[in-house]
């Protein structure tokens, strides 16, 4: 019986995915990220994650474009097997940025 092992994605895979997203955006966008993506990429914790959770996007009017470019059902998500995920309502500490 074989057992599948989940592994953390290499930063290069995330870079390629985010570069593809950047190439389709019409203006600069800032995302406030959290979750497994942050643990993996920023803190180098070996943790499997296929999504980039974000709490906020600036400017806010780019959220729909961002989701259509890199959301779960997007062509880029299918290509890279990674996707963006808006977290919605979540309690964060004051001045979390």
N, C-alpha and C. Protein backbone atom coordinates (compact mmCIF):
# COMPACT_ATOMS: atom_id res chain seq x y z
N UNK A 1 0.85 -1.17 0.00
CA UNK A 1 0.00 0.00 0.00
C UNK A 1 0.89 1.24 0.00
N UNK A 2 0.66 2.12 -0.94
CA UNK A 2 1.47 3.34 -0.98
C UNK A 2 0.76 4.46 -0.23
N UNK A 3 1.54 5.33 0.30
CA UNK A 3 1.00 6.47 1.03
C UNK A 3 1.46 7.75 0.36
N UNK A 4 0.51 8.62 0.02
CA UNK A 4 0.88 9.89 -0.59
C UNK A 4 1.41 10.83 0.48
N UNK A 5 2.48 11.49 0.15
CA UNK A 5 3.07 12.46 1.05
C UNK A 5 2.85 13.85 0.49
N UNK A 6 2.31 14.74 1.28
CA UNK A 6 2.17 16.13 0.86
C UNK A 6 3.49 16.82 1.16
N UNK A 7 3.89 17.68 0.27
CA UNK A 7 5.13 18.42 0.46
C UNK A 7 4.87 19.89 0.19
N UNK A 8 5.70 20.71 0.77
CA UNK A 8 5.57 22.15 0.57
C UNK A 8 6.08 22.49 -0.82
N UNK A 9 5.41 23.42 -1.48
CA UNK A 9 5.85 23.86 -2.80
C UNK A 9 7.12 24.67 -2.68
N UNK A 10 7.98 24.52 -3.64
CA UNK A 10 9.19 25.31 -3.73
C UNK A 10 8.81 26.77 -3.98
N UNK A 11 9.58 27.67 -3.46
CA UNK A 11 9.31 29.10 -3.67
C UNK A 11 9.26 29.44 -5.15
N UNK A 12 10.02 28.74 -5.97
CA UNK A 12 10.03 29.02 -7.41
C UNK A 12 8.65 28.80 -8.02
N UNK A 13 7.92 27.81 -7.55
CA UNK A 13 6.56 27.59 -8.06
C UNK A 13 5.66 28.76 -7.70
N UNK A 14 5.78 29.26 -6.47
CA UNK A 14 4.99 30.42 -6.08
C UNK A 14 5.40 31.63 -6.89
N UNK A 15 6.70 31.80 -7.12
CA UNK A 15 7.17 32.95 -7.90
C UNK A 15 6.59 32.91 -9.31
N UNK A 16 6.59 31.76 -9.94
CA UNK A 16 6.05 31.63 -11.30
C UNK A 16 4.56 31.96 -11.32
N UNK A 17 3.82 31.45 -10.35
CA UNK A 17 2.39 31.72 -10.26
C UNK A 17 2.12 33.22 -10.08
N UNK A 18 2.82 33.83 -9.13
CA UNK A 18 2.61 35.25 -8.86
C UNK A 18 3.08 36.12 -10.02
N UNK A 19 4.14 35.71 -10.68
CA UNK A 19 4.61 36.46 -11.86
C UNK A 19 3.55 36.43 -12.97
N UNK A 20 2.92 35.27 -13.17
CA UNK A 20 1.85 35.16 -14.17
C UNK A 20 0.65 36.05 -13.80
N UNK A 21 0.34 36.12 -12.52
CA UNK A 21 -0.75 37.00 -12.08
C UNK A 21 -0.37 38.45 -12.34
N UNK A 22 0.84 38.83 -11.93
CA UNK A 22 1.31 40.21 -12.13
C UNK A 22 1.22 40.63 -13.60
N UNK A 23 1.54 39.72 -14.48
CA UNK A 23 1.55 40.06 -15.91
C UNK A 23 0.15 40.37 -16.44
N UNK A 24 -0.88 39.92 -15.73
CA UNK A 24 -2.26 40.16 -16.18
C UNK A 24 -2.96 41.30 -15.45
N UNK A 25 -2.35 41.83 -14.42
CA UNK A 25 -2.95 42.94 -13.68
C UNK A 25 -2.74 44.25 -14.42
N UNK A 26 -3.73 45.12 -14.35
CA UNK A 26 -3.66 46.40 -15.04
C UNK A 26 -3.02 47.50 -14.20
N UNK A 27 -2.86 47.25 -12.90
CA UNK A 27 -2.25 48.23 -12.01
C UNK A 27 -1.60 47.49 -10.84
N UNK A 28 -0.68 48.15 -10.14
CA UNK A 28 -0.06 47.51 -8.97
C UNK A 28 -1.11 47.17 -7.90
N UNK A 29 -0.94 46.02 -7.28
CA UNK A 29 -1.87 45.53 -6.26
C UNK A 29 -1.06 45.07 -5.05
N UNK A 30 -1.57 45.39 -3.87
CA UNK A 30 -0.98 44.92 -2.62
C UNK A 30 -1.97 43.98 -1.96
N UNK A 31 -1.48 42.82 -1.51
CA UNK A 31 -2.32 41.87 -0.78
C UNK A 31 -1.79 41.72 0.63
N UNK A 32 -2.70 41.63 1.60
CA UNK A 32 -2.33 41.32 2.97
C UNK A 32 -2.59 39.82 3.14
N UNK A 33 -1.51 39.06 3.18
CA UNK A 33 -1.60 37.59 3.17
C UNK A 33 -1.49 37.02 4.58
N UNK A 34 -2.01 35.81 4.73
CA UNK A 34 -1.94 35.09 6.00
C UNK A 34 -2.05 33.60 5.72
N UNK A 35 -1.92 32.80 6.74
CA UNK A 35 -2.11 31.36 6.60
C UNK A 35 -0.85 30.60 6.19
N UNK A 36 -1.09 29.42 5.62
CA UNK A 36 0.00 28.51 5.26
C UNK A 36 0.99 29.09 4.28
N UNK A 37 0.53 29.93 3.36
CA UNK A 37 1.45 30.55 2.41
C UNK A 37 2.50 31.37 3.14
N UNK A 38 2.08 32.16 4.11
CA UNK A 38 3.01 32.99 4.87
C UNK A 38 3.98 32.10 5.65
N UNK A 39 3.46 31.06 6.28
CA UNK A 39 4.34 30.15 7.03
C UNK A 39 5.38 29.51 6.13
N UNK A 40 4.97 29.13 4.92
CA UNK A 40 5.87 28.47 3.99
C UNK A 40 6.89 29.41 3.38
N UNK A 41 6.43 30.50 2.81
CA UNK A 41 7.31 31.36 2.03
C UNK A 41 8.09 32.35 2.89
N UNK A 42 7.45 32.94 3.89
CA UNK A 42 8.13 33.94 4.70
C UNK A 42 8.97 33.29 5.79
N UNK A 43 8.42 32.27 6.47
CA UNK A 43 9.12 31.66 7.59
C UNK A 43 9.77 30.33 7.25
N UNK A 44 9.62 29.87 6.00
CA UNK A 44 10.24 28.65 5.50
C UNK A 44 9.87 27.41 6.33
N UNK A 45 8.65 27.39 6.84
CA UNK A 45 8.16 26.23 7.57
C UNK A 45 7.68 25.21 6.53
N UNK A 46 8.19 23.99 6.58
CA UNK A 46 7.82 23.00 5.56
C UNK A 46 6.38 22.54 5.72
N UNK A 47 5.51 23.23 5.06
CA UNK A 47 4.08 23.01 5.21
C UNK A 47 3.43 23.01 3.84
N UNK A 48 2.59 22.03 3.57
CA UNK A 48 1.89 21.95 2.30
C UNK A 48 0.79 23.00 2.22
N UNK A 49 0.76 23.72 1.15
CA UNK A 49 -0.35 24.63 0.89
C UNK A 49 -0.43 24.89 -0.61
N UNK A 50 -1.63 24.94 -1.11
CA UNK A 50 -1.84 25.20 -2.53
C UNK A 50 -2.59 26.51 -2.73
N UNK A 51 -2.86 27.22 -1.62
CA UNK A 51 -3.58 28.48 -1.76
C UNK A 51 -2.85 29.60 -1.04
N UNK A 52 -3.09 30.78 -1.52
CA UNK A 52 -2.57 31.99 -0.91
C UNK A 52 -3.78 32.72 -0.34
N UNK A 53 -3.95 32.62 0.98
CA UNK A 53 -5.06 33.28 1.66
C UNK A 53 -4.73 34.76 1.81
N UNK A 54 -5.69 35.61 1.50
CA UNK A 54 -5.47 37.03 1.72
C UNK A 54 -6.70 37.66 2.36
N UNK A 55 -6.41 38.65 3.18
CA UNK A 55 -7.43 39.33 3.97
C UNK A 55 -7.91 40.61 3.29
N UNK A 56 -6.98 41.27 2.61
CA UNK A 56 -7.30 42.56 2.01
C UNK A 56 -6.49 42.72 0.74
N UNK A 57 -7.04 43.48 -0.19
CA UNK A 57 -6.34 43.82 -1.42
C UNK A 57 -6.47 45.33 -1.63
N UNK A 58 -5.37 45.94 -2.01
CA UNK A 58 -5.34 47.39 -2.22
C UNK A 58 -4.80 47.66 -3.62
N UNK A 59 -5.52 48.40 -4.43
CA UNK A 59 -6.81 49.03 -4.19
C UNK A 59 -7.94 48.00 -4.16
N UNK A 60 -8.95 48.27 -3.38
CA UNK A 60 -10.03 47.31 -3.15
C UNK A 60 -10.82 46.97 -4.41
N UNK A 61 -10.84 47.86 -5.39
CA UNK A 61 -11.60 47.59 -6.61
C UNK A 61 -10.93 46.54 -7.51
N UNK A 62 -9.74 46.06 -7.13
CA UNK A 62 -9.06 45.03 -7.92
C UNK A 62 -9.35 43.61 -7.45
N UNK A 63 -10.12 43.46 -6.37
CA UNK A 63 -10.40 42.13 -5.81
C UNK A 63 -11.03 41.19 -6.84
N UNK A 64 -12.04 41.64 -7.56
CA UNK A 64 -12.70 40.77 -8.54
C UNK A 64 -11.76 40.37 -9.67
N UNK A 65 -10.97 41.32 -10.14
CA UNK A 65 -9.99 41.00 -11.19
C UNK A 65 -8.98 39.98 -10.70
N UNK A 66 -8.51 40.18 -9.49
CA UNK A 66 -7.53 39.28 -8.91
C UNK A 66 -8.08 37.87 -8.79
N UNK A 67 -9.31 37.75 -8.33
CA UNK A 67 -9.95 36.44 -8.20
C UNK A 67 -10.15 35.76 -9.56
N UNK A 68 -10.51 36.54 -10.58
CA UNK A 68 -10.72 35.92 -11.89
C UNK A 68 -9.38 35.50 -12.52
N UNK A 69 -8.32 36.22 -12.21
CA UNK A 69 -7.00 35.88 -12.74
C UNK A 69 -6.39 34.69 -12.01
N UNK A 70 -6.47 34.68 -10.67
CA UNK A 70 -5.76 33.65 -9.90
C UNK A 70 -6.60 32.87 -8.92
N UNK A 71 -7.92 33.02 -8.96
CA UNK A 71 -8.80 32.29 -8.04
C UNK A 71 -8.85 30.80 -8.33
N UNK A 72 -9.57 30.04 -7.51
CA UNK A 72 -9.60 28.57 -7.61
C UNK A 72 -10.00 28.01 -8.97
N UNK A 73 -10.86 28.69 -9.70
CA UNK A 73 -11.33 28.18 -10.99
C UNK A 73 -10.61 28.80 -12.19
N UNK A 74 -9.59 29.59 -11.95
CA UNK A 74 -8.90 30.30 -13.03
C UNK A 74 -7.99 29.38 -13.84
N UNK A 75 -7.64 29.85 -15.02
CA UNK A 75 -6.70 29.12 -15.88
C UNK A 75 -5.34 29.00 -15.21
N UNK A 76 -4.92 30.06 -14.51
CA UNK A 76 -3.62 30.00 -13.82
C UNK A 76 -3.63 28.98 -12.68
N UNK A 77 -4.75 28.87 -11.98
CA UNK A 77 -4.85 27.87 -10.91
C UNK A 77 -4.71 26.46 -11.49
N UNK A 78 -5.32 26.23 -12.63
CA UNK A 78 -5.21 24.92 -13.27
C UNK A 78 -3.80 24.67 -13.78
N UNK A 79 -3.16 25.70 -14.30
CA UNK A 79 -1.80 25.58 -14.82
C UNK A 79 -0.79 25.31 -13.70
N UNK A 80 -0.87 26.07 -12.61
CA UNK A 80 0.13 25.99 -11.54
C UNK A 80 -0.27 25.09 -10.38
N UNK A 81 -1.55 24.71 -10.32
CA UNK A 81 -2.08 23.95 -9.18
C UNK A 81 -1.91 24.71 -7.87
N UNK A 82 -2.02 26.04 -7.98
CA UNK A 82 -1.99 26.98 -6.87
C UNK A 82 -3.09 28.00 -7.13
N UNK A 83 -3.60 28.63 -6.08
CA UNK A 83 -4.64 29.62 -6.30
C UNK A 83 -4.71 30.64 -5.17
N UNK A 84 -5.35 31.77 -5.47
CA UNK A 84 -5.61 32.81 -4.49
C UNK A 84 -6.94 32.53 -3.81
N UNK A 85 -7.04 32.89 -2.53
CA UNK A 85 -8.28 32.67 -1.79
C UNK A 85 -8.53 33.85 -0.85
N UNK A 86 -9.62 34.58 -1.10
CA UNK A 86 -10.01 35.67 -0.22
C UNK A 86 -10.63 35.08 1.03
N UNK A 87 -10.14 35.49 2.21
CA UNK A 87 -10.59 34.89 3.46
C UNK A 87 -11.87 35.48 4.01
N UNK A 88 -12.24 36.67 3.56
CA UNK A 88 -13.47 37.27 4.05
C UNK A 88 -13.29 37.85 5.43
N UNK A 89 -14.25 37.59 6.29
CA UNK A 89 -14.25 38.18 7.63
C UNK A 89 -13.38 37.36 8.56
N UNK A 90 -12.44 38.04 9.18
CA UNK A 90 -11.55 37.40 10.15
C UNK A 90 -11.11 38.47 11.15
N UNK A 91 -10.96 38.10 12.41
CA UNK A 91 -10.50 39.04 13.42
C UNK A 91 -8.98 39.07 13.41
N UNK A 92 -8.45 40.26 13.22
CA UNK A 92 -7.00 40.45 13.23
C UNK A 92 -6.65 41.46 14.31
N UNK A 93 -5.44 41.36 14.85
CA UNK A 93 -5.04 42.34 15.85
C UNK A 93 -4.95 43.75 15.25
N UNK A 94 -5.15 44.75 16.09
CA UNK A 94 -5.03 46.12 15.63
C UNK A 94 -3.63 46.35 15.08
N UNK A 95 -3.51 47.08 14.00
CA UNK A 95 -2.23 47.38 13.36
C UNK A 95 -1.47 46.12 12.92
N UNK A 96 -2.19 45.12 12.45
CA UNK A 96 -1.55 43.86 12.04
C UNK A 96 -0.57 44.03 10.90
N UNK A 97 -0.75 45.08 10.07
CA UNK A 97 0.14 45.26 8.93
C UNK A 97 1.56 45.38 9.38
